[in-house]
Amino acid sequence: MKLLPNTADRPPAGRHRRVEPAPTELRAALLDPEGGAGAELHGHVPDDPAAVVLLLHGGAEAGRMPVAWWRPPVLRMVPIALALARRAPQDLLVLRLKYRVRGWNGTRQDPVHDARWAMDRIRRILPGLPIVLVGHSMGGRVALHLAAEPQVAGVAALAPWVESDARRPRPGIPVLLMHGTRDQITDPRRTGILARRFADQGVEVRHVRVYGGDHAMLREAAMWHDTVTDFVTDVLRRRGRTS
C-alpha cells in the first residue's frame, strides 16, 4: 500500500519517493472532509487495504437540500457496509459516501460529481487498488454511470434507478443487477432490460430478482446482504487482490 504525496510535495522528475503511512494517517487521509464541499466518507479502514468498496446511497430526482448522515437513504447502506466488513476479506476497505445534496439535479449530476471526488481521493491515496462500486437506487445509477472508470473492478446496482446514461463497463468488469419484485420506487423491468442489453454486449452480468423484495431492501434483507457480499468477495478473489 502506497500513499501518494500531494503535488506540492512531489520530488523532482526521475526520483521516486515511497511513503508508507501509519494506519491512523491512512484513515485520516481517506476520511478527511476537506475538499468535499459537504460530501464525506466514513468507513472501515484496515491497516493495509488490498481492495476498496465504495457504497453509494440513494436520493431524489431533484433537490438541493444538504444530506445528513442520519437520513434514511444514507442509513440503508449501513447494514451492507457491516456485512462486508464482517464477512469479506480482512484487508477490504469499506467506505460509505455521503453526497453534498439530495438530488441528481439534471445535468448537474450532483452525486456523480461527489462519487468522482471520492474515487479521485481513493486513487490518489491508494493507486492501483481495485474499487468495487455498490450503489442503491440513485446510487445504483451513479455506479452504472461510472462503470468504466479506472480501477473499477466490479459494479453492483441495487434497486437501481436505470436511465440511458448507464455506461458499458470495461471488458472483464462484472456487474450485479439486483431488484425487488415489489419495488414501488424504481422499476425492476428497466433493470431486466439493462441486464439483457449488457448480456448482448458481452458484459458479465448477473441479474438477481428478489421475489417479494421492496425498495428499502428490508424484506429479504439477508438475501440482499449475502448476494452483495458474495459478489464483492468473488470479484476480488478472481483478481487475486485480497487475502
C-alpha atoms as a PDB file:
ATOM      1  CA  MET A   1       0.000   0.000   0.000  1.00  0.00           C
ATOM      2  CA  LYS A   2       1.417   3.375  -1.020  1.00  0.00           C
ATOM      3  CA  LEU A   3       0.274   6.885  -0.149  1.00  0.00           C
ATOM      4  CA  LEU A   4       0.859   9.379  -2.936  1.00  0.00           C
ATOM      5  CA  PRO A   5       2.287  12.706  -1.843  1.00  0.00           C
ATOM      6  CA  ASN A   6       0.464  15.918  -2.630  1.00  0.00           C
ATOM      7  CA  THR A   7       1.509  17.623  -5.868  1.00  0.00           C
ATOM      8  CA  ALA A   8       3.345  20.295  -3.947  1.00  0.00           C
ATOM      9  CA  ASP A   9       5.403  17.619  -2.206  1.00  0.00           C
ATOM     10  CA  ARG A  10       6.402  15.625  -5.277  1.00  0.00           C
ATOM     11  CA  PRO A  11      10.141  15.031  -5.705  1.00  0.00           C
ATOM     12  CA  PRO A  12      11.936  16.131  -8.877  1.00  0.00           C
ATOM     13  CA  ALA A  13      11.327  14.144 -12.072  1.00  0.00           C
ATOM     14  CA  GLY A  14      13.255  10.904 -12.254  1.00  0.00           C
ATOM     15  CA  ARG A  15      13.172  10.344  -8.490  1.00  0.00           C
ATOM     16  CA  HIS A  16      10.632   8.235  -6.647  1.00  0.00           C
ATOM     17  CA  ARG A  17       9.723   8.628  -3.027  1.00  0.00           C
ATOM     18  CA  ARG A  18       7.625   5.998  -1.319  1.00  0.00           C
ATOM     19  CA  VAL A  19       5.539   6.938   1.678  1.00  0.00           C
ATOM     20  CA  GLU A  20       4.216   4.228   3.978  1.00  0.00           C
ATOM     21  CA  PRO A  21       1.555   5.907   6.149  1.00  0.00           C
ATOM     22  CA  ALA A  22       0.701   4.665   9.592  1.00  0.00           C
ATOM     23  CA  PRO A  23      -2.847   3.272   9.891  1.00  0.00           C
ATOM     24  CA  THR A  24      -4.038   6.413  11.685  1.00  0.00           C
ATOM     25  CA  GLU A  25      -2.588   8.577   8.915  1.00  0.00           C
ATOM     26  CA  LEU A  26      -4.265   6.482   6.236  1.00  0.00           C
ATOM     27  CA  ARG A  27      -7.620   6.722   7.965  1.00  0.00           C
ATOM     28  CA  ALA A  28      -7.265  10.469   8.421  1.00  0.00           C
ATOM     29  CA  ALA A  29      -6.277  10.987   4.786  1.00  0.00           C
ATOM     30  CA  LEU A  30      -9.204   8.960   3.430  1.00  0.00           C
ATOM     31  CA  LEU A  31     -11.884  10.322   5.748  1.00  0.00           C
ATOM     32  CA  ASP A  32     -10.804  13.965   5.865  1.00  0.00           C
ATOM     33  CA  PRO A  33     -13.891  16.056   4.928  1.00  0.00           C
ATOM     34  CA  GLU A  34     -11.686  18.794   3.485  1.00  0.00           C
ATOM     35  CA  GLY A  35     -12.223  19.273  -0.228  1.00  0.00           C
ATOM     36  CA  GLY A  36     -15.580  17.520  -0.464  1.00  0.00           C
ATOM     37  CA  ALA A  37     -17.671  20.703  -0.194  1.00  0.00           C
ATOM     38  CA  GLY A  38     -20.065  18.746   2.027  1.00  0.00           C
ATOM     39  CA  ALA A  39     -19.507  15.292   0.576  1.00  0.00           C
ATOM     40  CA  GLU A  40     -17.881  12.995   3.141  1.00  0.00           C
ATOM     41  CA  LEU A  41     -16.549   9.483   3.551  1.00  0.00           C
ATOM     42  CA  HIS A  42     -16.968   7.205   6.565  1.00  0.00           C
ATOM     43  CA  GLY A  43     -15.968   3.604   6.865  1.00  0.00           C
ATOM     44  CA  HIS A  44     -13.871   0.640   7.891  1.00  0.00           C
ATOM     45  CA  VAL A  45     -10.177   1.259   7.152  1.00  0.00           C
ATOM     46  CA  PRO A  46      -7.878  -1.760   7.672  1.00  0.00           C
ATOM     47  CA  ASP A  47      -4.185  -1.255   8.306  1.00  0.00           C
ATOM     48  CA  ASP A  48      -3.058  -2.395   4.858  1.00  0.00           C
ATOM     49  CA  PRO A  49      -6.001  -2.495   2.426  1.00  0.00           C
ATOM     50  CA  ALA A  50      -5.787  -4.531  -0.764  1.00  0.00           C
ATOM     51  CA  ALA A  51      -9.143  -3.518  -2.272  1.00  0.00           C
ATOM     52  CA  VAL A  52     -11.879  -0.930  -1.823  1.00  0.00           C
ATOM     53  CA  VAL A  53     -15.670  -0.993  -1.801  1.00  0.00           C
ATOM     54  CA  LEU A  54     -17.354   2.375  -2.276  1.00  0.00           C
ATOM     55  CA  LEU A  55     -21.003   2.438  -1.166  1.00  0.00           C
ATOM     56  CA  LEU A  56     -23.313   4.961  -2.845  1.00  0.00           C
ATOM     57  CA  HIS A  57     -26.675   5.774  -1.258  1.00  0.00           C
ATOM     58  CA  GLY A  58     -29.948   6.820  -2.847  1.00  0.00           C
ATOM     59  CA  GLY A  59     -31.556  10.213  -3.218  1.00  0.00           C
ATOM     60  CA  ALA A  60     -34.094  12.017  -5.358  1.00  0.00           C
ATOM     61  CA  GLU A  61     -34.551  13.230  -8.904  1.00  0.00           C
ATOM     62  CA  ALA A  62     -34.168  16.841  -7.762  1.00  0.00           C
ATOM     63  CA  GLY A  63     -33.238  18.578  -4.530  1.00  0.00           C
ATOM     64  CA  ARG A  64     -30.553  20.920  -3.241  1.00  0.00           C
ATOM     65  CA  MET A  65     -31.120  20.172   0.445  1.00  0.00           C
ATOM     66  CA  PRO A  66     -27.869  19.139   2.204  1.00  0.00           C
ATOM     67  CA  VAL A  67     -27.626  15.465   3.130  1.00  0.00           C
ATOM     68  CA  ALA A  68     -27.124  14.333   6.738  1.00  0.00           C
ATOM     69  CA  TRP A  69     -25.673  11.002   7.860  1.00  0.00           C
ATOM     70  CA  TRP A  70     -28.910  10.119   9.684  1.00  0.00           C
ATOM     71  CA  ARG A  71     -31.167  10.374   6.600  1.00  0.00           C
ATOM     72  CA  PRO A  72     -32.853   7.045   5.651  1.00  0.00           C
ATOM     73  CA  PRO A  73     -31.212   6.700   2.193  1.00  0.00           C
ATOM     74  CA  VAL A  74     -27.789   7.063   3.818  1.00  0.00           C
ATOM     75  CA  LEU A  75     -28.590   4.666   6.653  1.00  0.00           C
ATOM     76  CA  ARG A  76     -29.773   1.985   4.214  1.00  0.00           C
ATOM     77  CA  MET A  77     -26.166   1.363   3.260  1.00  0.00           C
ATOM     78  CA  VAL A  78     -25.051   0.699   6.854  1.00  0.00           C
ATOM     79  CA  PRO A  79     -26.174  -2.972   7.027  1.00  0.00           C
ATOM     80  CA  ILE A  80     -24.421  -3.707   3.744  1.00  0.00           C
ATOM     81  CA  ALA A  81     -21.274  -1.981   4.981  1.00  0.00           C
ATOM     82  CA  LEU A  82     -21.370  -4.032   8.188  1.00  0.00           C
ATOM     83  CA  ALA A  83     -21.906  -7.274   6.282  1.00  0.00           C
ATOM     84  CA  LEU A  84     -18.929  -6.534   4.040  1.00  0.00           C
ATOM     85  CA  ALA A  85     -16.686  -5.527   6.945  1.00  0.00           C
ATOM     86  CA  ARG A  86     -17.568  -8.689   8.868  1.00  0.00           C
ATOM     87  CA  ARG A  87     -17.587 -11.349   6.173  1.00  0.00           C
ATOM     88  CA  ALA A  88     -15.429 -10.116   3.315  1.00  0.00           C
ATOM     89  CA  PRO A  89     -11.611 -10.412   3.439  1.00  0.00           C
ATOM     90  CA  GLN A  90      -9.998  -8.570   6.333  1.00  0.00           C
ATOM     91  CA  ASP A  91      -7.951  -6.331   4.032  1.00  0.00           C
ATOM     92  CA  LEU A  92     -11.073  -4.876   2.386  1.00  0.00           C
ATOM     93  CA  LEU A  93     -11.544  -1.126   2.790  1.00  0.00           C
ATOM     94  CA  VAL A  94     -15.275  -0.333   3.035  1.00  0.00           C
ATOM     95  CA  LEU A  95     -16.246   3.308   2.540  1.00  0.00           C
ATOM     96  CA  ARG A  96     -19.676   4.955   2.600  1.00  0.00           C
ATOM     97  CA  LEU A  97     -20.053   8.187   0.676  1.00  0.00           C
ATOM     98  CA  LYS A  98     -22.482  10.906   1.786  1.00  0.00           C
ATOM     99  CA  TYR A  99     -23.409  13.285  -1.008  1.00  0.00           C
ATOM    100  CA  ARG A 100     -23.456  17.069  -0.684  1.00  0.00           C
ATOM    101  CA  VAL A 101     -27.100  17.409  -1.721  1.00  0.00           C
ATOM    102  CA  ARG A 102     -30.117  15.157  -2.031  1.00  0.00           C
ATOM    103  CA  GLY A 103     -30.880  15.239  -5.763  1.00  0.00           C
ATOM    104  CA  TRP A 104     -29.456  14.140  -9.093  1.00  0.00           C
ATOM    105  CA  ASN A 105     -30.456  17.561 -10.418  1.00  0.00           C
ATOM    106  CA  GLY A 106     -30.465  17.081 -14.162  1.00  0.00           C
ATOM    107  CA  THR A 107     -27.288  17.944 -15.995  1.00  0.00           C
ATOM    108  CA  ARG A 108     -25.616  18.903 -12.699  1.00  0.00           C
ATOM    109  CA  GLN A 109     -25.416  15.200 -11.841  1.00  0.00           C
ATOM    110  CA  ASP A 110     -24.503  16.138  -8.280  1.00  0.00           C
ATOM    111  CA  PRO A 111     -23.987  12.617  -6.882  1.00  0.00           C
ATOM    112  CA  VAL A 112     -21.764  11.714  -9.836  1.00  0.00           C
ATOM    113  CA  HIS A 113     -19.626  14.743  -9.006  1.00  0.00           C
ATOM    114  CA  ASP A 114     -19.367  13.564  -5.385  1.00  0.00           C
ATOM    115  CA  ALA A 115     -18.544   9.979  -6.353  1.00  0.00           C
ATOM    116  CA  ARG A 116     -15.787  11.194  -8.671  1.00  0.00           C
ATOM    117  CA  TRP A 117     -14.380  13.247  -5.787  1.00  0.00           C
ATOM    118  CA  ALA A 118     -14.349  10.138  -3.599  1.00  0.00           C
ATOM    119  CA  MET A 119     -12.799   7.958  -6.293  1.00  0.00           C
ATOM    120  CA  ASP A 120     -10.141  10.549  -7.096  1.00  0.00           C
ATOM    121  CA  ARG A 121      -9.179  10.600  -3.413  1.00  0.00           C
ATOM    122  CA  ILE A 122      -9.020   6.805  -3.265  1.00  0.00           C
ATOM    123  CA  ARG A 123      -6.943   6.606  -6.445  1.00  0.00           C
ATOM    124  CA  ARG A 124      -4.542   9.283  -5.222  1.00  0.00           C
ATOM    125  CA  ILE A 125      -4.002   7.720  -1.803  1.00  0.00           C
ATOM    126  CA  LEU A 126      -4.203   4.053  -2.860  1.00  0.00           C
ATOM    127  CA  PRO A 127      -3.156   3.936  -6.515  1.00  0.00           C
ATOM    128  CA  GLY A 128      -3.824   0.705  -8.349  1.00  0.00           C
ATOM    129  CA  LEU A 129      -6.173  -0.857  -5.814  1.00  0.00           C
ATOM    130  CA  PRO A 130      -9.353  -2.344  -7.301  1.00  0.00           C
ATOM    131  CA  ILE A 131     -12.557  -0.480  -6.472  1.00  0.00           C
ATOM    132  CA  VAL A 132     -15.969  -2.144  -6.383  1.00  0.00           C
ATOM    133  CA  LEU A 133     -18.895   0.268  -6.624  1.00  0.00           C
ATOM    134  CA  VAL A 134     -22.078  -0.707  -4.754  1.00  0.00           C
ATOM    135  CA  GLY A 135     -24.997   1.666  -5.221  1.00  0.00           C
ATOM    136  CA  HIS A 136     -28.632   1.652  -4.146  1.00  0.00           C
ATOM    137  CA  SER A 137     -31.427   3.439  -6.046  1.00  0.00           C
ATOM    138  CA  MET A 138     -29.921   6.738  -7.258  1.00  0.00           C
ATOM    139  CA  GLY A 139     -26.599   5.368  -6.057  1.00  0.00           C
ATOM    140  CA  GLY A 140     -27.129   2.471  -8.454  1.00  0.00           C
ATOM    141  CA  ARG A 141     -27.472   4.981 -11.266  1.00  0.00           C
ATOM    142  CA  VAL A 142     -24.242   6.631 -10.135  1.00  0.00           C
ATOM    143  CA  ALA A 143     -22.431   3.276 -10.045  1.00  0.00           C
ATOM    144  CA  LEU A 144     -23.651   2.380 -13.542  1.00  0.00           C
ATOM    145  CA  HIS A 145     -22.652   5.830 -14.799  1.00  0.00           C
ATOM    146  CA  LEU A 146     -19.091   5.307 -13.506  1.00  0.00           C
ATOM    147  CA  ALA A 147     -18.717   1.656 -14.510  1.00  0.00           C
ATOM    148  CA  ALA A 148     -15.920   2.373 -16.997  1.00  0.00           C
ATOM    149  CA  GLU A 149     -13.791   4.455 -14.600  1.00  0.00           C
ATOM    150  CA  PRO A 150     -10.142   3.494 -13.954  1.00  0.00           C
ATOM    151  CA  GLN A 151      -9.563   0.975 -11.126  1.00  0.00           C
ATOM    152  CA  VAL A 152     -13.254  -0.058 -11.073  1.00  0.00           C
ATOM    153  CA  ALA A 153     -13.208  -3.846 -10.734  1.00  0.00           C
ATOM    154  CA  GLY A 154     -16.933  -4.519 -10.367  1.00  0.00           C
ATOM    155  CA  VAL A 155     -20.294  -2.789 -10.116  1.00  0.00           C
ATOM    156  CA  ALA A 156     -23.320  -3.773  -8.021  1.00  0.00           C
ATOM    157  CA  ALA A 157     -26.520  -1.794  -8.614  1.00  0.00           C
ATOM    158  CA  LEU A 158     -29.266  -2.497  -6.060  1.00  0.00           C
ATOM    159  CA  ALA A 159     -32.828  -1.460  -6.905  1.00  0.00           C
ATOM    160  CA  PRO A 160     -31.200   0.943  -9.356  1.00  0.00           C
ATOM    161  CA  TRP A 161     -32.683   3.990 -10.982  1.00  0.00           C
ATOM    162  CA  VAL A 162     -31.938   2.931 -14.555  1.00  0.00           C
ATOM    163  CA  GLU A 163     -31.627   5.558 -17.278  1.00  0.00           C
ATOM    164  CA  SER A 164     -29.933   5.733 -20.658  1.00  0.00           C
ATOM    165  CA  ASP A 165     -26.712   7.074 -19.109  1.00  0.00           C
ATOM    166  CA  ALA A 166     -25.662   3.645 -17.799  1.00  0.00           C
ATOM    167  CA  ARG A 167     -22.160   3.038 -19.152  1.00  0.00           C
ATOM    168  CA  ARG A 168     -20.908  -0.222 -20.534  1.00  0.00           C
ATOM    169  CA  PRO A 169     -18.136  -1.442 -18.202  1.00  0.00           C
ATOM    170  CA  ARG A 170     -14.653  -2.077 -19.451  1.00  0.00           C
ATOM    171  CA  PRO A 171     -14.087  -5.636 -20.740  1.00  0.00           C
ATOM    172  CA  GLY A 172     -13.878  -8.164 -17.926  1.00  0.00           C
ATOM    173  CA  ILE A 173     -15.637  -6.000 -15.340  1.00  0.00           C
ATOM    174  CA  PRO A 174     -18.567  -7.950 -13.805  1.00  0.00           C
ATOM    175  CA  VAL A 175     -21.900  -6.361 -12.951  1.00  0.00           C
ATOM    176  CA  LEU A 176     -24.544  -7.355 -10.404  1.00  0.00           C
ATOM    177  CA  LEU A 177     -28.058  -6.021 -11.034  1.00  0.00           C
ATOM    178  CA  MET A 178     -30.444  -6.740  -8.175  1.00  0.00           C
ATOM    179  CA  HIS A 179     -34.060  -5.640  -7.810  1.00  0.00           C
ATOM    180  CA  GLY A 180     -37.046  -6.490  -5.624  1.00  0.00           C
ATOM    181  CA  THR A 181     -40.185  -7.563  -7.447  1.00  0.00           C
ATOM    182  CA  ARG A 182     -42.371  -5.398  -5.149  1.00  0.00           C
ATOM    183  CA  ASP A 183     -40.359  -2.214  -5.640  1.00  0.00           C
ATOM    184  CA  GLN A 184     -42.702   0.766  -5.999  1.00  0.00           C
ATOM    185  CA  ILE A 185     -39.981   3.424  -6.336  1.00  0.00           C
ATOM    186  CA  THR A 186     -37.677   2.266  -9.130  1.00  0.00           C
ATOM    187  CA  ASP A 187     -38.724  -0.013 -11.962  1.00  0.00           C
ATOM    188  CA  PRO A 188     -37.479  -3.628 -11.870  1.00  0.00           C
ATOM    189  CA  ARG A 189     -38.457  -4.017 -15.526  1.00  0.00           C
ATOM    190  CA  ARG A 190     -35.858  -1.439 -16.533  1.00  0.00           C
ATOM    191  CA  THR A 191     -33.248  -3.369 -14.591  1.00  0.00           C
ATOM    192  CA  GLY A 192     -34.174  -6.511 -16.513  1.00  0.00           C
ATOM    193  CA  ILE A 193     -33.897  -4.668 -19.830  1.00  0.00           C
ATOM    194  CA  LEU A 194     -30.470  -3.337 -18.884  1.00  0.00           C
ATOM    195  CA  ALA A 195     -29.346  -6.829 -17.862  1.00  0.00           C
ATOM    196  CA  ARG A 196     -30.320  -8.187 -21.291  1.00  0.00           C
ATOM    197  CA  ARG A 197     -28.618  -5.269 -23.038  1.00  0.00           C
ATOM    198  CA  PHE A 198     -25.403  -5.815 -21.106  1.00  0.00           C
ATOM    199  CA  ALA A 199     -25.511  -9.559 -21.808  1.00  0.00           C
ATOM    200  CA  ASP A 200     -25.947  -8.884 -25.535  1.00  0.00           C
ATOM    201  CA  GLN A 201     -22.899  -6.585 -25.377  1.00  0.00           C
ATOM    202  CA  GLY A 202     -20.774  -9.324 -23.831  1.00  0.00           C
ATOM    203  CA  VAL A 203     -20.768  -7.902 -20.306  1.00  0.00           C
ATOM    204  CA  GLU A 204     -20.519 -10.431 -17.480  1.00  0.00           C
ATOM    205  CA  VAL A 205     -23.795  -9.574 -15.788  1.00  0.00           C
ATOM    206  CA  ARG A 206     -25.737 -11.294 -13.033  1.00  0.00           C
ATOM    207  CA  HIS A 207     -29.395 -10.325 -12.713  1.00  0.00           C
ATOM    208  CA  VAL A 208     -30.997 -11.247  -9.384  1.00  0.00           C
ATOM    209  CA  ARG A 209     -34.721 -10.836  -8.740  1.00  0.00           C
ATOM    210  CA  VAL A 210     -35.601 -10.611  -5.069  1.00  0.00           C
ATOM    211  CA  TYR A 211     -39.110 -12.035  -5.004  1.00  0.00           C
ATOM    212  CA  GLY A 212     -41.203 -10.016  -2.585  1.00  0.00           C
ATOM    213  CA  GLY A 213     -38.335  -7.572  -2.088  1.00  0.00           C
ATOM    214  CA  ASP A 214     -39.052  -3.880  -1.578  1.00  0.00           C
ATOM    215  CA  HIS A 215     -37.117  -0.751  -2.469  1.00  0.00           C
ATOM    216  CA  ALA A 216     -35.687  -0.220   1.015  1.00  0.00           C
ATOM    217  CA  MET A 217     -34.126  -3.727   0.994  1.00  0.00           C
ATOM    218  CA  LEU A 218     -35.846  -4.535   4.281  1.00  0.00           C
ATOM    219  CA  ARG A 219     -37.792  -7.535   3.032  1.00  0.00           C
ATOM    220  CA  GLU A 220     -35.443 -10.461   2.382  1.00  0.00           C
ATOM    221  CA  ALA A 221     -32.654  -8.366   3.895  1.00  0.00           C
ATOM    222  CA  ALA A 222     -30.324 -11.342   4.334  1.00  0.00           C
ATOM    223  CA  MET A 223     -30.550 -12.104   0.615  1.00  0.00           C
ATOM    224  CA  TRP A 224     -29.516  -8.562  -0.287  1.00  0.00           C
ATOM    225  CA  HIS A 225     -26.584  -8.624   2.138  1.00  0.00           C
ATOM    226  CA  ASP A 226     -25.409 -12.136   1.244  1.00  0.00           C
ATOM    227  CA  THR A 227     -25.616 -11.586  -2.501  1.00  0.00           C
ATOM    228  CA  VAL A 228     -23.660  -8.342  -2.389  1.00  0.00           C
ATOM    229  CA  THR A 229     -21.008  -9.775  -0.066  1.00  0.00           C
ATOM    230  CA  ASP A 230     -20.609 -12.887  -2.225  1.00  0.00           C
ATOM    231  CA  PHE A 231     -20.357 -10.760  -5.370  1.00  0.00           C
ATOM    232  CA  VAL A 232     -17.686  -8.469  -3.947  1.00  0.00           C
ATOM    233  CA  THR A 233     -15.708 -11.366  -2.489  1.00  0.00           C
ATOM    234  CA  ASP A 234     -15.825 -13.280  -5.785  1.00  0.00           C
ATOM    235  CA  VAL A 235     -14.775 -10.256  -7.842  1.00  0.00           C
ATOM    236  CA  LEU A 236     -11.753  -9.620  -5.660  1.00  0.00           C
ATOM    237  CA  ARG A 237     -10.812 -13.282  -5.274  1.00  0.00           C
ATOM    238  CA  ARG A 238     -10.650 -13.651  -9.034  1.00  0.00           C
ATOM    239  CA  ARG A 239      -8.407 -10.601  -9.233  1.00  0.00           C
ATOM    240  CA  GLY A 240      -6.130 -12.099  -6.615  1.00  0.00           C
ATOM    241  CA  ARG A 241      -6.004  -8.822  -4.737  1.00  0.00           C
ATOM    242  CA  THR A 242      -7.278  -9.882  -1.314  1.00  0.00           C
ATOM    243  CA  SER A 243      -6.026 -12.330   1.294  1.00  0.00           C
END
